Amino acid sequence: QVQFVESGGGLVQPGGSLRLSCAASGFMFSSVSMTWYRQAPGKGRELVAFITSTGGSINYPDSVKGRFTISRDNAKNTVYLQMNSLKPEDTAVYYCNRWPPGAWGQGTLVTVSS
């Protein structure tokens, strides 16, 4: 079955960086677009990064543009999210999924606090 295993979250100070990883399985990873979402406490799930199957097209919302970078390794069925200049408002559980999204994994918690 389709499975996503996110990792790399943790506690980081404002201005710091983290790199999230997501290992995907159960589908033809190299043929589908992939995404990163986040869900902050008490809020809905927000799309923060999108990458097409070959990496030829990438999109971000204004809230993370210039700070977050999505990438993928089709040989490893893995998608990454490099997060720089982190802010307290980036605190959330981060999830990866394919596009369009299906079942969700457990996510990885990112906490930005001093």
PDB file of N, CA and C in Angstrom:
ATOM      1  N   GLN A   1       0.839  -1.184   0.000  1.00  0.00           N
ATOM      2  CA  GLN A   1       0.000   0.000   0.000  1.00  0.00           C
ATOM      3  C   GLN A   1       0.885   1.248   0.000  1.00  0.00           C
ATOM      4  N   VAL A   2       0.259   2.384  -0.306  1.00  0.00           N
ATOM      5  CA  VAL A   2       0.977   3.655  -0.328  1.00  0.00           C
ATOM      6  C   VAL A   2       1.409   4.009   1.099  1.00  0.00           C
ATOM      7  N   GLN A   3       2.667   4.393   1.228  1.00  0.00           N
ATOM      8  CA  GLN A   3       3.191   4.728   2.546  1.00  0.00           C
ATOM      9  C   GLN A   3       4.180   5.883   2.443  1.00  0.00           C
ATOM     10  N   PHE A   4       4.122   6.770   3.418  1.00  0.00           N
ATOM     11  CA  PHE A   4       5.064   7.887   3.532  1.00  0.00           C
ATOM     12  C   PHE A   4       5.650   7.871   4.937  1.00  0.00           C
ATOM     13  N   VAL A   5       6.980   7.957   5.022  1.00  0.00           N
ATOM     14  CA  VAL A   5       7.653   8.012   6.312  1.00  0.00           C
ATOM     15  C   VAL A   5       8.489   9.279   6.347  1.00  0.00           C
ATOM     16  N   GLU A   6       7.999  10.257   7.108  1.00  0.00           N
ATOM     17  CA  GLU A   6       8.684  11.546   7.227  1.00  0.00           C
ATOM     18  C   GLU A   6       9.659  11.524   8.394  1.00  0.00           C
ATOM     19  N   SER A   7      10.783  12.239   8.252  1.00  0.00           N
ATOM     20  CA  SER A   7      11.773  12.314   9.317  1.00  0.00           C
ATOM     21  C   SER A   7      12.528  13.631   9.218  1.00  0.00           C
ATOM     22  N   GLY A   8      13.281  13.936  10.274  1.00  0.00           N
ATOM     23  CA  GLY A   8      14.134  15.115  10.243  1.00  0.00           C
ATOM     24  C   GLY A   8      13.636  16.295  11.053  1.00  0.00           C
ATOM     25  N   GLY A   9      12.447  16.189  11.612  1.00  0.00           N
ATOM     26  CA  GLY A   9      11.929  17.274  12.416  1.00  0.00           C
ATOM     27  C   GLY A   9      12.655  17.399  13.740  1.00  0.00           C
ATOM     28  N   GLY A  10      12.321  18.466  14.486  1.00  0.00           N
ATOM     29  CA  GLY A  10      12.934  18.669  15.779  1.00  0.00           C
ATOM     30  C   GLY A  10      12.744  20.080  16.257  1.00  0.00           C
ATOM     31  N   LEU A  11      13.469  20.417  17.311  1.00  0.00           N
ATOM     32  CA  LEU A  11      13.426  21.756  17.893  1.00  0.00           C
ATOM     33  C   LEU A  11      14.588  22.572  17.346  1.00  0.00           C
ATOM     34  N   VAL A  12      14.294  23.749  16.849  1.00  0.00           N
ATOM     35  CA  VAL A  12      15.321  24.612  16.278  1.00  0.00           C
ATOM     36  C   VAL A  12      15.034  26.048  16.690  1.00  0.00           C
ATOM     37  N   GLN A  13      16.074  26.826  16.845  1.00  0.00           N
ATOM     38  CA  GLN A  13      15.906  28.232  17.202  1.00  0.00           C
ATOM     39  C   GLN A  13      15.492  29.054  15.979  1.00  0.00           C
ATOM     40  N   PRO A  14      14.832  30.173  16.185  1.00  0.00           N
ATOM     41  CA  PRO A  14      14.508  31.063  15.059  1.00  0.00           C
ATOM     42  C   PRO A  14      15.761  31.412  14.281  1.00  0.00           C
ATOM     43  N   GLY A  15      15.634  31.387  12.957  1.00  0.00           N
ATOM     44  CA  GLY A  15      16.777  31.634  12.093  1.00  0.00           C
ATOM     45  C   GLY A  15      17.546  30.383  11.724  1.00  0.00           C
ATOM     46  N   GLY A  16      17.234  29.274  12.356  1.00  0.00           N
ATOM     47  CA  GLY A  16      17.932  28.031  12.089  1.00  0.00           C
ATOM     48  C   GLY A  16      17.412  27.298  10.872  1.00  0.00           C
ATOM     49  N   SER A  17      17.976  26.108  10.645  1.00  0.00           N
ATOM     50  CA  SER A  17      17.641  25.304   9.463  1.00  0.00           C
ATOM     51  C   SER A  17      17.363  23.862   9.861  1.00  0.00           C
ATOM     52  N   LEU A  18      16.554  23.219   9.056  1.00  0.00           N
ATOM     53  CA  LEU A  18      16.291  21.787   9.168  1.00  0.00           C
ATOM     54  C   LEU A  18      16.112  21.227   7.776  1.00  0.00           C
ATOM     55  N   ARG A  19      16.425  19.953   7.630  1.00  0.00           N
ATOM     56  CA  ARG A  19      16.163  19.248   6.369  1.00  0.00           C
ATOM     57  C   ARG A  19      15.276  18.060   6.657  1.00  0.00           C
ATOM     58  N   LEU A  20      14.096  18.077   6.085  1.00  0.00           N
ATOM     59  CA  LEU A  20      13.162  16.975   6.239  1.00  0.00           C
ATOM     60  C   LEU A  20      13.325  15.985   5.086  1.00  0.00           C
ATOM     61  N   SER A  21      13.089  14.719   5.391  1.00  0.00           N
ATOM     62  CA  SER A  21      13.109  13.667   4.372  1.00  0.00           C
ATOM     63  C   SER A  21      11.798  12.899   4.420  1.00  0.00           C
ATOM     64  N   CYS A  22      11.411  12.354   3.288  1.00  0.00           N
ATOM     65  CA  CYS A  22      10.203  11.543   3.217  1.00  0.00           C
ATOM     66  C   CYS A  22      10.466  10.373   2.282  1.00  0.00           C
ATOM     67  N   ALA A  23      10.437   9.176   2.849  1.00  0.00           N
ATOM     68  CA  ALA A  23      10.584   7.961   2.058  1.00  0.00           C
ATOM     69  C   ALA A  23       9.199   7.475   1.662  1.00  0.00           C
ATOM     70  N   ALA A  24       8.997   7.312   0.357  1.00  0.00           N
ATOM     71  CA  ALA A  24       7.691   6.907  -0.167  1.00  0.00           C
ATOM     72  C   ALA A  24       7.765   5.495  -0.725  1.00  0.00           C
ATOM     73  N   SER A  25       6.661   4.781  -0.653  1.00  0.00           N
ATOM     74  CA  SER A  25       6.598   3.437  -1.203  1.00  0.00           C
ATOM     75  C   SER A  25       5.167   3.094  -1.584  1.00  0.00           C
ATOM     76  N   GLY A  26       5.023   2.042  -2.397  1.00  0.00           N
ATOM     77  CA  GLY A  26       3.692   1.567  -2.758  1.00  0.00           C
ATOM     78  C   GLY A  26       3.120   2.157  -4.024  1.00  0.00           C
ATOM     79  N   PHE A  27       3.897   2.967  -4.727  1.00  0.00           N
ATOM     80  CA  PHE A  27       3.427   3.536  -5.994  1.00  0.00           C
ATOM     81  C   PHE A  27       4.644   3.903  -6.830  1.00  0.00           C
ATOM     82  N   MET A  28       4.420   4.277  -8.088  1.00  0.00           N
ATOM     83  CA  MET A  28       5.499   4.615  -9.013  1.00  0.00           C
ATOM     84  C   MET A  28       5.984   6.035  -8.724  1.00  0.00           C
ATOM     85  N   PHE A  29       6.864   6.160  -7.752  1.00  0.00           N
ATOM     86  CA  PHE A  29       7.315   7.457  -7.253  1.00  0.00           C
ATOM     87  C   PHE A  29       7.805   8.367  -8.374  1.00  0.00           C
ATOM     88  N   SER A  30       8.590   7.844  -9.275  1.00  0.00           N
ATOM     89  CA  SER A  30       9.229   8.678 -10.294  1.00  0.00           C
ATOM     90  C   SER A  30       8.238   9.248 -11.303  1.00  0.00           C
ATOM     91  N   SER A  31       7.007   8.801 -11.258  1.00  0.00           N
ATOM     92  CA  SER A  31       6.008   9.238 -12.235  1.00  0.00           C
ATOM     93  C   SER A  31       5.019  10.255 -11.694  1.00  0.00           C
ATOM     94  N   VAL A  32       5.125  10.588 -10.421  1.00  0.00           N
ATOM     95  CA  VAL A  32       4.114  11.463  -9.833  1.00  0.00           C
ATOM     96  C   VAL A  32       4.743  12.702  -9.223  1.00  0.00           C
ATOM     97  N   SER A  33       3.952  13.781  -9.204  1.00  0.00           N
ATOM     98  CA  SER A  33       4.364  14.983  -8.491  1.00  0.00           C
ATOM     99  C   SER A  33       4.263  14.733  -6.990  1.00  0.00           C
ATOM    100  N   MET A  34       5.112  15.433  -6.243  1.00  0.00           N
ATOM    101  CA  MET A  34       5.142  15.263  -4.796  1.00  0.00           C
ATOM    102  C   MET A  34       4.971  16.609  -4.100  1.00  0.00           C
ATOM    103  N   THR A  35       4.517  16.565  -2.880  1.00  0.00           N
ATOM    104  CA  THR A  35       4.231  17.781  -2.124  1.00  0.00           C
ATOM    105  C   THR A  35       4.689  17.652  -0.670  1.00  0.00           C
ATOM    106  N   TRP A  36       4.858  18.784  -0.046  1.00  0.00           N
ATOM    107  CA  TRP A  36       5.004  18.891   1.397  1.00  0.00           C
ATOM    108  C   TRP A  36       3.858  19.788   1.895  1.00  0.00           C
ATOM    109  N   TYR A  37       3.221  19.342   2.959  1.00  0.00           N
ATOM    110  CA  TYR A  37       2.183  20.105   3.646  1.00  0.00           C
ATOM    111  C   TYR A  37       2.611  20.307   5.092  1.00  0.00           C
ATOM    112  N   ARG A  38       1.954  21.228   5.752  1.00  0.00           N
ATOM    113  CA  ARG A  38       2.156  21.365   7.193  1.00  0.00           C
ATOM    114  C   ARG A  38       0.814  21.691   7.861  1.00  0.00           C
ATOM    115  N   GLN A  39       0.732  21.330   9.126  1.00  0.00           N
ATOM    116  CA  GLN A  39      -0.455  21.629   9.909  1.00  0.00           C
ATOM    117  C   GLN A  39      -0.024  22.158  11.261  1.00  0.00           C
ATOM    118  N   ALA A  40      -0.280  23.433  11.490  1.00  0.00           N
ATOM    119  CA  ALA A  40       0.052  24.063  12.755  1.00  0.00           C
ATOM    120  C   ALA A  40      -1.055  23.764  13.765  1.00  0.00           C
ATOM    121  N   PRO A  41      -0.751  23.863  15.043  1.00  0.00           N
ATOM    122  CA  PRO A  41      -1.757  23.589  16.076  1.00  0.00           C
ATOM    123  C   PRO A  41      -3.010  24.434  15.870  1.00  0.00           C
ATOM    124  N   GLY A  42      -4.157  23.777  15.809  1.00  0.00           N
ATOM    125  CA  GLY A  42      -5.422  24.480  15.686  1.00  0.00           C
ATOM    126  C   GLY A  42      -5.736  25.016  14.313  1.00  0.00           C
ATOM    127  N   LYS A  43      -4.926  24.642  13.310  1.00  0.00           N
ATOM    128  CA  LYS A  43      -5.138  25.159  11.951  1.00  0.00           C
ATOM    129  C   LYS A  43      -5.281  24.016  10.956  1.00  0.00           C
ATOM    130  N   GLY A  44      -5.720  24.365   9.755  1.00  0.00           N
ATOM    131  CA  GLY A  44      -5.857  23.363   8.703  1.00  0.00           C
ATOM    132  C   GLY A  44      -4.534  23.048   8.059  1.00  0.00           C
ATOM    133  N   ARG A  45      -4.536  22.028   7.215  1.00  0.00           N
ATOM    134  CA  ARG A  45      -3.328  21.616   6.526  1.00  0.00           C
ATOM    135  C   ARG A  45      -3.032  22.578   5.368  1.00  0.00           C
ATOM    136  N   GLU A  46      -1.774  22.995   5.262  1.00  0.00           N
ATOM    137  CA  GLU A  46      -1.341  23.999   4.279  1.00  0.00           C
ATOM    138  C   GLU A  46      -0.286  23.414   3.356  1.00  0.00           C
ATOM    139  N   LEU A  47      -0.455  23.596   2.059  1.00  0.00           N
ATOM    140  CA  LEU A  47       0.547  23.172   1.092  1.00  0.00           C
ATOM    141  C   LEU A  47       1.730  24.134   1.138  1.00  0.00           C
ATOM    142  N   VAL A  48       2.942  23.603   1.309  1.00  0.00           N
ATOM    143  CA  VAL A  48       4.117  24.479   1.387  1.00  0.00           C
ATOM    144  C   VAL A  48       5.125  24.250   0.264  1.00  0.00           C
ATOM    145  N   ALA A  49       5.000  23.168  -0.473  1.00  0.00           N
ATOM    146  CA  ALA A  49       5.936  22.944  -1.567  1.00  0.00           C
ATOM    147  C   ALA A  49       5.390  21.883  -2.512  1.00  0.00           C
ATOM    148  N   PHE A  50       5.680  22.064  -3.798  1.00  0.00           N
ATOM    149  CA  PHE A  50       5.209  21.152  -4.839  1.00  0.00           C
ATOM    150  C   PHE A  50       6.328  20.961  -5.849  1.00  0.00           C
ATOM    151  N   ILE A  51       6.522  19.717  -6.272  1.00  0.00           N
ATOM    152  CA  ILE A  51       7.547  19.425  -7.273  1.00  0.00           C
ATOM    153  C   ILE A  51       6.994  18.385  -8.241  1.00  0.00           C
ATOM    154  N   THR A  52       7.201  18.608  -9.538  1.00  0.00           N
ATOM    155  CA  THR A  52       6.739  17.647 -10.526  1.00  0.00           C
ATOM    156  C   THR A  52       7.647  16.411 -10.546  1.00  0.00           C
ATOM    157  N   SER A  53       7.245  15.413 -11.311  1.00  0.00           N
ATOM    158  CA  SER A  53       7.935  14.118 -11.275  1.00  0.00           C
ATOM    159  C   SER A  53       9.419  14.204 -11.620  1.00  0.00           C
ATOM    160  N   THR A  54       9.744  15.106 -12.544  1.00  0.00           N
ATOM    161  CA  THR A  54      11.148  15.255 -12.954  1.00  0.00           C
ATOM    162  C   THR A  54      11.843  16.406 -12.246  1.00  0.00           C
ATOM    163  N   GLY A  55      11.111  17.146 -11.446  1.00  0.00           N
ATOM    164  CA  GLY A  55      11.682  18.319 -10.795  1.00  0.00           C
ATOM    165  C   GLY A  55      11.706  19.542 -11.690  1.00  0.00           C
ATOM    166  N   GLY A  56      11.065  19.459 -12.828  1.00  0.00           N
ATOM    167  CA  GLY A  56      11.105  20.560 -13.776  1.00  0.00           C
ATOM    168  C   GLY A  56      10.261  21.759 -13.384  1.00  0.00           C
ATOM    169  N   SER A  57       9.306  21.553 -12.512  1.00  0.00           N
ATOM    170  CA  SER A  57       8.462  22.649 -12.046  1.00  0.00           C
ATOM    171  C   SER A  57       8.297  22.546 -10.546  1.00  0.00           C
ATOM    172  N   ILE A  58       8.518  23.646  -9.866  1.00  0.00           N
ATOM    173  CA  ILE A  58       8.460  23.708  -8.400  1.00  0.00           C
ATOM    174  C   ILE A  58       7.678  24.953  -8.015  1.00  0.00           C
ATOM    175  N   ASN A  59       6.852  24.821  -6.997  1.00  0.00           N
ATOM    176  CA  ASN A  59       6.063  25.955  -6.533  1.00  0.00           C
ATOM    177  C   ASN A  59       6.018  26.014  -5.019  1.00  0.00           C
ATOM    178  N   TYR A  60       5.939  27.260  -4.512  1.00  0.00           N
ATOM    179  CA  TYR A  60       5.836  27.511  -3.075  1.00  0.00           C
ATOM    180  C   TYR A  60       4.822  28.631  -2.835  1.00  0.00           C
ATOM    181  N   PRO A  61       4.159  28.615  -1.693  1.00  0.00           N
ATOM    182  CA  PRO A  61       3.350  29.784  -1.337  1.00  0.00           C
ATOM    183  C   PRO A  61       4.267  30.920  -0.873  1.00  0.00           C
ATOM    184  N   ASP A  62       3.751  32.117  -0.859  1.00  0.00           N
ATOM    185  CA  ASP A  62       4.567  33.269  -0.456  1.00  0.00           C
ATOM    186  C   ASP A  62       5.121  33.129   0.958  1.00  0.00           C
ATOM    187  N   SER A  63       4.402  32.402   1.817  1.00  0.00           N
ATOM    188  CA  SER A  63       4.806  32.294   3.221  1.00  0.00           C
ATOM    189  C   SER A  63       6.163  31.603   3.393  1.00  0.00           C
ATOM    190  N   VAL A  64       6.585  30.782   2.429  1.00  0.00           N
ATOM    191  CA  VAL A  64       7.850  30.066   2.573  1.00  0.00           C
ATOM    192  C   VAL A  64       8.804  30.314   1.412  1.00  0.00           C
ATOM    193  N   LYS A  65       8.356  31.019   0.398  1.00  0.00           N
ATOM    194  CA  LYS A  65       9.179  31.241  -0.796  1.00  0.00           C
ATOM    195  C   LYS A  65      10.475  31.954  -0.415  1.00  0.00           C
ATOM    196  N   GLY A  66      11.583  31.442  -0.942  1.00  0.00           N
ATOM    197  CA  GLY A  66      12.891  32.007  -0.643  1.00  0.00           C
ATOM    198  C   GLY A  66      13.549  31.419   0.594  1.00  0.00           C
ATOM    199  N   ARG A  67      12.778  30.651   1.372  1.00  0.00           N
ATOM    200  CA  ARG A  67      13.329  30.028   2.580  1.00  0.00           C
ATOM    201  C   ARG A  67      13.308  28.496   2.508  1.00  0.00           C
ATOM    202  N   PHE A  68      12.321  27.944   1.840  1.00  0.00           N
ATOM    203  CA  PHE A  68      12.179  26.483   1.735  1.00  0.00           C
ATOM    204  C   PHE A  68      12.561  26.038   0.326  1.00  0.00           C
ATOM    205  N   THR A  69      13.169  24.856   0.250  1.00  0.00           N
ATOM    206  CA  THR A  69      13.525  24.270  -1.046  1.00  0.00           C
ATOM    207  C   THR A  69      13.132  22.806  -1.061  1.00  0.00           C
ATOM    208  N   ILE A  70      12.306  22.432  -2.018  1.00  0.00           N
ATOM    209  CA  ILE A  70      11.918  21.033  -2.185  1.00  0.00           C
ATOM    210  C   ILE A  70      12.805  20.402  -3.244  1.00  0.00           C
ATOM    211  N   SER A  71      13.148  19.144  -3.033  1.00  0.00           N
ATOM    212  CA  SER A  71      13.923  18.393  -4.021  1.00  0.00           C
ATOM    213  C   SER A  71      13.532  16.930  -3.910  1.00  0.00           C
ATOM    214  N   ARG A  72      13.971  16.141  -4.874  1.00  0.00           N
ATOM    215  CA  ARG A  72      13.630  14.727  -4.859  1.00  0.00           C
ATOM    216  C   ARG A  72      14.754  13.903  -5.454  1.00  0.00           C
ATOM    217  N   ASP A  73      14.809  12.640  -5.022  1.00  0.00           N
ATOM    218  CA  ASP A  73      15.748  11.670  -5.562  1.00  0.00           C
ATOM    219  C   ASP A  73      14.914  10.478  -6.005  1.00  0.00           C
ATOM    220  N   ASN A  74      14.643  10.398  -7.291  1.00  0.00           N
ATOM    221  CA  ASN A  74      13.776   9.324  -7.790  1.00  0.00           C
ATOM    222  C   ASN A  74      14.405   7.945  -7.654  1.00  0.00           C
ATOM    223  N   ALA A  75      15.722   7.876  -7.591  1.00  0.00           N
ATOM    224  CA  ALA A  75      16.390   6.591  -7.402  1.00  0.00           C
ATOM    225  C   ALA A  75      16.172   6.056  -5.984  1.00  0.00           C
ATOM    226  N   LYS A  76      15.918   6.963  -5.053  1.00  0.00           N
ATOM    227  CA  LYS A  76      15.733   6.572  -3.655  1.00  0.00           C
ATOM    228  C   LYS A  76      14.278   6.686  -3.200  1.00  0.00           C
ATOM    229  N   ASN A  77      13.374   7.051  -4.115  1.00  0.00           N
ATOM    230  CA  ASN A  77      11.957   7.243  -3.760  1.00  0.00           C
ATOM    231  C   ASN A  77      11.817   8.176  -2.552  1.00  0.00           C
ATOM    232  N   THR A  78      12.577   9.255  -2.577  1.00  0.00           N
ATOM    233  CA  THR A  78      12.621  10.159  -1.434  1.00  0.00           C
ATOM    234  C   THR A  78      12.454  11.604  -1.894  1.00  0.00           C
ATOM    235  N   VAL A  79      11.685  12.357  -1.115  1.00  0.00           N
ATOM    236  CA  VAL A  79      11.538  13.788  -1.349  1.00  0.00           C
ATOM    237  C   VAL A  79      12.039  14.515  -0.109  1.00  0.00           C
ATOM    238  N   TYR A  80      12.645  15.666  -0.320  1.00  0.00           N
ATOM    239  CA  TYR A  80      13.276  16.428   0.759  1.00  0.00           C
ATOM    240  C   TYR A  80      12.661  17.826   0.853  1.00  0.00           C
ATOM    241  N   LEU A  81      12.801  18.418   2.036  1.00  0.00           N
ATOM    242  CA  LEU A  81      12.421  19.809   2.215  1.00  0.00           C
ATOM    243  C   LEU A  81      13.503  20.477   3.062  1.00  0.00           C
ATOM    244  N   GLN A  82      14.295  21.333   2.418  1.00  0.00           N
ATOM    245  CA  GLN A  82      15.298  22.121   3.125  1.00  0.00           C
ATOM    246  C   GLN A  82      14.627  23.396   3.600  1.00  0.00           C
ATOM    247  N   MET A  83      14.686  23.637   4.891  1.00  0.00           N
ATOM    248  CA  MET A  83      14.030  24.803   5.483  1.00  0.00           C
ATOM    249  C   MET A  83      15.083  25.675   6.145  1.00  0.00           C
ATOM    250  N   ASN A  84      15.215  26.896   5.668  1.00  0.00           N
ATOM    251  CA  ASN A  84      16.175  27.859   6.213  1.00  0.00           C
ATOM    252  C   ASN A  84      15.447  29.062   6.791  1.00  0.00           C
ATOM    253  N   SER A  85      16.159  29.837   7.569  1.00  0.00           N
ATOM    254  CA  SER A  85      15.603  31.062   8.165  1.00  0.00           C
ATOM    255  C   SER A  85      14.258  30.779   8.831  1.00  0.00           C
ATOM    256  N   LEU A  86      14.220  29.747   9.623  1.00  0.00           N
ATOM    257  CA  LEU A  86      12.957  29.316  10.219  1.00  0.00           C
ATOM    258  C   LEU A  86      12.415  30.347  11.198  1.00  0.00           C
ATOM    259  N   LYS A  87      11.086  30.446  11.232  1.00  0.00           N
ATOM    260  CA  LYS A  87      10.381  31.392  12.081  1.00  0.00           C
ATOM    261  C   LYS A  87       9.461  30.622  13.033  1.00  0.00           C
ATOM    262  N   PRO A  88       9.098  31.217  14.157  1.00  0.00           N
ATOM    263  CA  PRO A  88       8.166  30.525  15.063  1.00  0.00           C
ATOM    264  C   PRO A  88       6.871  30.106  14.371  1.00  0.00           C
ATOM    265  N   GLU A  89       6.425  30.880  13.403  1.00  0.00           N
ATOM    266  CA  GLU A  89       5.178  30.535  12.706  1.00  0.00           C
ATOM    267  C   GLU A  89       5.333  29.337  11.765  1.00  0.00           C
ATOM    268  N   ASP A  90       6.547  28.838  11.605  1.00  0.00           N
ATOM    269  CA  ASP A  90       6.757  27.611  10.833  1.00  0.00           C
ATOM    270  C   ASP A  90       6.520  26.365  11.687  1.00  0.00           C
ATOM    271  N   THR A  91       6.295  26.559  12.974  1.00  0.00           N
ATOM    272  CA  THR A  91       6.032  25.423  13.854  1.00  0.00           C
ATOM    273  C   THR A  91       4.787  24.673  13.405  1.00  0.00           C
ATOM    274  N   ALA A  92       4.943  23.374  13.163  1.00  0.00           N
ATOM    275  CA  ALA A  92       3.843  22.566  12.633  1.00  0.00           C
ATOM    276  C   ALA A  92       4.308  21.123  12.505  1.00  0.00           C
ATOM    277  N   VAL A  93       3.358  20.246  12.250  1.00  0.00           N
ATOM    278  CA  VAL A  93       3.678  18.902  11.809  1.00  0.00           C
ATOM    279  C   VAL A  93       3.747  18.938  10.284  1.00  0.00           C
ATOM    280  N   TYR A  94       4.836  18.420   9.738  1.00  0.00           N
ATOM    281  CA  TYR A  94       5.069  18.449   8.298  1.00  0.00           C
ATOM    282  C   TYR A  94       4.833  17.055   7.716  1.00  0.00           C
ATOM    283  N   TYR A  95       4.103  17.034   6.608  1.00  0.00           N
ATOM    284  CA  TYR A  95       3.740  15.793   5.930  1.00  0.00           C
ATOM    285  C   TYR A  95       4.150  15.870   4.458  1.00  0.00           C
ATOM    286  N   CYS A  96       4.544  14.747   3.908  1.00  0.00           N
ATOM    287  CA  CYS A  96       4.683  14.682   2.458  1.00  0.00           C
ATOM    288  C   CYS A  96       3.516  13.861   1.906  1.00  0.00           C
ATOM    289  N   ASN A  97       3.256  14.041   0.619  1.00  0.00           N
ATOM    290  CA  ASN A  97       2.225  13.267  -0.047  1.00  0.00           C
ATOM    291  C   ASN A  97       2.452  13.407  -1.536  1.00  0.00           C
ATOM    292  N   ARG A  98       1.833  12.542  -2.289  1.00  0.00           N
ATOM    293  CA  ARG A  98       1.867  12.710  -3.726  1.00  0.00           C
ATOM    294  C   ARG A  98       0.787  13.704  -4.113  1.00  0.00           C
ATOM    295  N   TRP A  99       0.733  14.046  -5.405  1.00  0.00           N
ATOM    296  CA  TRP A  99      -0.291  14.945  -5.915  1.00  0.00           C
ATOM    297  C   TRP A  99      -1.101  14.235  -6.988  1.00  0.00           C
ATOM    298  N   PRO A 100      -2.407  14.232  -6.839  1.00  0.00           N
ATOM    299  CA  PRO A 100      -3.200  14.745  -5.721  1.00  0.00           C
ATOM    300  C   PRO A 100      -3.001  13.883  -4.475  1.00  0.00           C
ATOM    301  N   PRO A 101      -3.178  14.468  -3.306  1.00  0.00           N
ATOM    302  CA  PRO A 101      -2.890  13.744  -2.064  1.00  0.00           C
ATOM    303  C   PRO A 101      -3.874  12.613  -1.793  1.00  0.00           C
ATOM    304  N   GLY A 102      -3.335  11.551  -1.166  1.00  0.00           N
ATOM    305  CA  GLY A 102      -4.148  10.432  -0.731  1.00  0.00           C
ATOM    306  C   GLY A 102      -3.992  10.250   0.761  1.00  0.00           C
ATOM    307  N   ALA A 103      -3.773   9.010   1.182  1.00  0.00           N
ATOM    308  CA  ALA A 103      -3.601   8.732   2.605  1.00  0.00           C
ATOM    309  C   ALA A 103      -2.356   9.445   3.130  1.00  0.00           C
ATOM    310  N   TRP A 104      -2.395   9.829   4.405  1.00  0.00           N
ATOM    311  CA  TRP A 104      -1.305  10.590   5.013  1.00  0.00           C
ATOM    312  C   TRP A 104      -0.446   9.713   5.912  1.00  0.00           C
ATOM    313  N   GLY A 105       0.821  10.094   6.014  1.00  0.00           N
ATOM    314  CA  GLY A 105       1.712   9.435   6.961  1.00  0.00           C
ATOM    315  C   GLY A 105       1.586  10.072   8.330  1.00  0.00           C
ATOM    316  N   GLN A 106       2.546   9.760   9.211  1.00  0.00           N
ATOM    317  CA  GLN A 106       2.522  10.279  10.583  1.00  0.00           C
ATOM    318  C   GLN A 106       3.011  11.711  10.673  1.00  0.00           C
ATOM    319  N   GLY A 107       3.790  12.138   9.721  1.00  0.00           N
ATOM    320  CA  GLY A 107       4.348  13.471   9.766  1.00  0.00           C
ATOM    321  C   GLY A 107       5.543  13.564  10.697  1.00  0.00           C
ATOM    322  N   THR A 108       6.216  14.720  10.648  1.00  0.00           N
ATOM    323  CA  THR A 108       7.340  14.983  11.536  1.00  0.00           C
ATOM    324  C   THR A 108       7.171  16.390  12.110  1.00  0.00           C
ATOM    325  N   LEU A 109       7.351  16.508  13.417  1.00  0.00           N
ATOM    326  CA  LEU A 109       7.090  17.767  14.104  1.00  0.00           C
ATOM    327  C   LEU A 109       8.288  18.689  14.029  1.00  0.00           C
ATOM    328  N   VAL A 110       8.032  19.906  13.607  1.00  0.00           N
ATOM    329  CA  VAL A 110       9.039  20.965  13.600  1.00  0.00           C
ATOM    330  C   VAL A 110       8.596  22.041  14.592  1.00  0.00           C
ATOM    331  N   THR A 111       9.462  22.327  15.545  1.00  0.00           N
ATOM    332  CA  THR A 111       9.177  23.364  16.538  1.00  0.00           C
ATOM    333  C   THR A 111      10.269  24.421  16.451  1.00  0.00           C
ATOM    334  N   VAL A 112       9.864  25.649  16.204  1.00  0.00           N
ATOM    335  CA  VAL A 112      10.809  26.764  16.102  1.00  0.00           C
ATOM    336  C   VAL A 112      10.590  27.667  17.312  1.00  0.00           C
ATOM    337  N   SER A 113      11.554  27.635  18.200  1.00  0.00           N
ATOM    338  CA  SER A 113      11.411  28.376  19.454  1.00  0.00           C
ATOM    339  C   SER A 113      12.768  28.641  20.069  1.00  0.00           C
ATOM    340  N   SER A 114      12.871  29.754  20.775  1.00  0.00           N
ATOM    341  CA  SER A 114      14.101  30.064  21.494  1.00  0.00           C
ATOM    342  C   SER A 114      14.001  29.587  22.943  1.00  0.00           C
TER     343      SER A 114
END
